[in-house]
């Protein structure tokens, strides 16, 4: 899944912030099943992209 991530820090931070915003909005709908699914999915994607972001050097 690393091919879905950018190769520079600027684009990586945009992807990461978008995933975090979607995760926050899905936490607002945690009482619905779709909110639970999206919050779990985006939390995993955010953590994965954060780990990739830390490895970028420029």
N, C-alpha and C. Protein backbone atom coordinates (compact mmCIF):
# COMPACT_ATOMS: atom_id res chain seq x y z
N UNK A 1 0.81 -1.19 0.00
CA UNK A 1 0.00 0.00 0.00
C UNK A 1 0.86 1.26 0.00
N UNK A 2 2.17 1.11 0.05
CA UNK A 2 3.06 2.27 0.06
C UNK A 2 2.99 3.04 -1.25
N UNK A 3 2.58 2.41 -2.32
CA UNK A 3 2.48 3.13 -3.59
C UNK A 3 1.33 4.12 -3.59
N UNK A 4 0.45 4.07 -2.61
CA UNK A 4 -0.65 5.03 -2.50
C UNK A 4 -0.24 6.28 -1.73
N UNK A 5 1.00 6.36 -1.33
CA UNK A 5 1.46 7.50 -0.55
C UNK A 5 2.42 8.33 -1.39
N UNK A 6 2.53 9.60 -1.09
CA UNK A 6 3.37 10.50 -1.86
C UNK A 6 4.85 10.31 -1.52
N UNK A 7 5.68 10.98 -2.29
CA UNK A 7 7.12 10.85 -2.09
C UNK A 7 7.74 12.11 -1.48
N UNK A 8 6.93 13.13 -1.17
CA UNK A 8 7.48 14.32 -0.49
C UNK A 8 6.61 14.67 0.71
N UNK A 9 7.20 15.45 1.61
CA UNK A 9 6.54 15.75 2.89
C UNK A 9 5.32 16.65 2.73
N UNK A 10 5.35 17.56 1.77
CA UNK A 10 4.21 18.47 1.59
C UNK A 10 2.96 17.71 1.20
N UNK A 11 3.06 16.86 0.20
CA UNK A 11 1.89 16.07 -0.22
C UNK A 11 1.52 15.02 0.82
N UNK A 12 2.52 14.49 1.50
CA UNK A 12 2.24 13.53 2.57
C UNK A 12 1.46 14.14 3.71
N UNK A 13 1.80 15.38 4.05
CA UNK A 13 1.07 16.03 5.15
C UNK A 13 -0.36 16.34 4.72
N UNK A 14 -0.58 16.63 3.45
CA UNK A 14 -1.95 16.86 2.97
C UNK A 14 -2.78 15.59 3.05
N UNK A 15 -2.20 14.48 2.64
CA UNK A 15 -2.92 13.20 2.74
C UNK A 15 -3.23 12.85 4.19
N UNK A 16 -2.24 13.02 5.04
CA UNK A 16 -2.42 12.69 6.44
C UNK A 16 -3.48 13.57 7.10
N UNK A 17 -3.45 14.85 6.82
CA UNK A 17 -4.45 15.74 7.44
C UNK A 17 -5.85 15.44 6.90
N UNK A 18 -5.97 15.08 5.63
CA UNK A 18 -7.28 14.71 5.10
C UNK A 18 -7.82 13.46 5.77
N UNK A 19 -6.96 12.47 5.99
CA UNK A 19 -7.39 11.25 6.66
C UNK A 19 -7.80 11.52 8.10
N UNK A 20 -7.09 12.41 8.78
CA UNK A 20 -7.43 12.73 10.16
C UNK A 20 -8.76 13.48 10.23
N UNK A 21 -9.00 14.40 9.29
CA UNK A 21 -10.27 15.14 9.28
C UNK A 21 -11.44 14.20 9.03
N UNK A 22 -11.30 13.27 8.09
CA UNK A 22 -12.37 12.30 7.82
C UNK A 22 -12.60 11.43 9.06
N UNK A 23 -11.53 11.07 9.73
CA UNK A 23 -11.65 10.27 10.95
C UNK A 23 -12.40 11.04 12.04
N UNK A 24 -12.09 12.32 12.20
CA UNK A 24 -12.78 13.14 13.20
C UNK A 24 -14.26 13.28 12.88
N UNK A 25 -14.59 13.51 11.61
CA UNK A 25 -16.00 13.61 11.23
C UNK A 25 -16.74 12.29 11.41
N UNK A 26 -16.06 11.18 11.18
CA UNK A 26 -16.73 9.90 11.37
C UNK A 26 -16.92 9.59 12.86
N UNK A 27 -16.06 10.12 13.73
CA UNK A 27 -16.26 9.96 15.17
C UNK A 27 -17.52 10.69 15.64
N UNK A 28 -17.94 11.71 14.91
CA UNK A 28 -19.18 12.41 15.27
C UNK A 28 -20.41 11.55 15.02
N UNK A 29 -20.28 10.57 14.14
CA UNK A 29 -21.39 9.66 13.82
C UNK A 29 -21.11 8.26 14.35
N UNK A 30 -20.44 8.15 15.49
CA UNK A 30 -20.03 6.86 16.02
C UNK A 30 -21.22 6.01 16.46
N UNK A 31 -22.38 6.63 16.65
CA UNK A 31 -23.54 5.86 17.08
C UNK A 31 -24.18 5.08 15.93
N UNK A 32 -23.80 5.37 14.68
CA UNK A 32 -24.29 4.61 13.53
C UNK A 32 -23.24 3.60 13.10
N UNK A 33 -23.69 2.56 12.45
CA UNK A 33 -22.77 1.51 12.01
C UNK A 33 -21.77 2.03 10.98
N UNK A 34 -22.22 2.88 10.06
CA UNK A 34 -21.32 3.41 9.04
C UNK A 34 -20.28 4.33 9.68
N UNK A 35 -20.64 5.05 10.73
CA UNK A 35 -19.68 5.88 11.44
C UNK A 35 -18.62 5.06 12.14
N UNK A 36 -19.02 3.93 12.69
CA UNK A 36 -18.06 3.04 13.33
C UNK A 36 -17.09 2.45 12.32
N UNK A 37 -17.61 2.06 11.16
CA UNK A 37 -16.76 1.48 10.11
C UNK A 37 -15.77 2.51 9.59
N UNK A 38 -16.26 3.72 9.28
CA UNK A 38 -15.38 4.76 8.76
C UNK A 38 -14.35 5.21 9.80
N UNK A 39 -14.76 5.32 11.04
CA UNK A 39 -13.81 5.76 12.05
C UNK A 39 -12.69 4.74 12.25
N UNK A 40 -13.02 3.48 12.27
CA UNK A 40 -12.01 2.44 12.40
C UNK A 40 -11.10 2.42 11.17
N UNK A 41 -11.70 2.47 9.99
CA UNK A 41 -10.93 2.41 8.75
C UNK A 41 -9.99 3.62 8.63
N UNK A 42 -10.50 4.81 8.91
CA UNK A 42 -9.67 6.00 8.76
C UNK A 42 -8.63 6.12 9.87
N UNK A 43 -8.91 5.58 11.03
CA UNK A 43 -7.91 5.57 12.09
C UNK A 43 -6.73 4.69 11.70
N UNK A 44 -7.02 3.54 11.09
CA UNK A 44 -5.95 2.65 10.63
C UNK A 44 -5.16 3.30 9.50
N UNK A 45 -5.86 3.91 8.55
CA UNK A 45 -5.18 4.58 7.44
C UNK A 45 -4.33 5.75 7.96
N UNK A 46 -4.85 6.50 8.92
CA UNK A 46 -4.10 7.63 9.47
C UNK A 46 -2.82 7.17 10.17
N UNK A 47 -2.93 6.12 10.95
CA UNK A 47 -1.73 5.61 11.62
C UNK A 47 -0.71 5.07 10.62
N UNK A 48 -1.19 4.40 9.59
CA UNK A 48 -0.28 3.88 8.57
C UNK A 48 0.40 5.01 7.81
N UNK A 49 -0.37 6.02 7.40
CA UNK A 49 0.20 7.14 6.67
C UNK A 49 1.12 7.97 7.56
N UNK A 50 0.84 8.06 8.86
CA UNK A 50 1.71 8.76 9.77
C UNK A 50 3.06 8.05 9.87
N UNK A 51 3.04 6.72 9.90
CA UNK A 51 4.30 5.99 9.95
C UNK A 51 5.10 6.17 8.66
N UNK A 52 4.41 6.26 7.52
CA UNK A 52 5.11 6.53 6.27
C UNK A 52 5.62 7.97 6.21
N UNK A 53 4.85 8.90 6.75
CA UNK A 53 5.24 10.31 6.76
C UNK A 53 6.52 10.53 7.56
N UNK A 54 6.64 9.83 8.66
CA UNK A 54 7.85 9.98 9.49
C UNK A 54 9.10 9.54 8.76
N UNK A 55 8.97 8.65 7.79
CA UNK A 55 10.14 8.14 7.05
C UNK A 55 10.57 9.05 5.90
N UNK A 56 9.72 10.01 5.53
CA UNK A 56 10.09 10.92 4.44
C UNK A 56 11.15 11.90 4.92
N UNK A 57 12.09 12.21 4.04
CA UNK A 57 13.19 13.10 4.44
C UNK A 57 13.05 14.50 3.88
N UNK A 58 12.29 14.69 2.83
CA UNK A 58 12.15 16.03 2.24
C UNK A 58 10.72 16.34 1.91
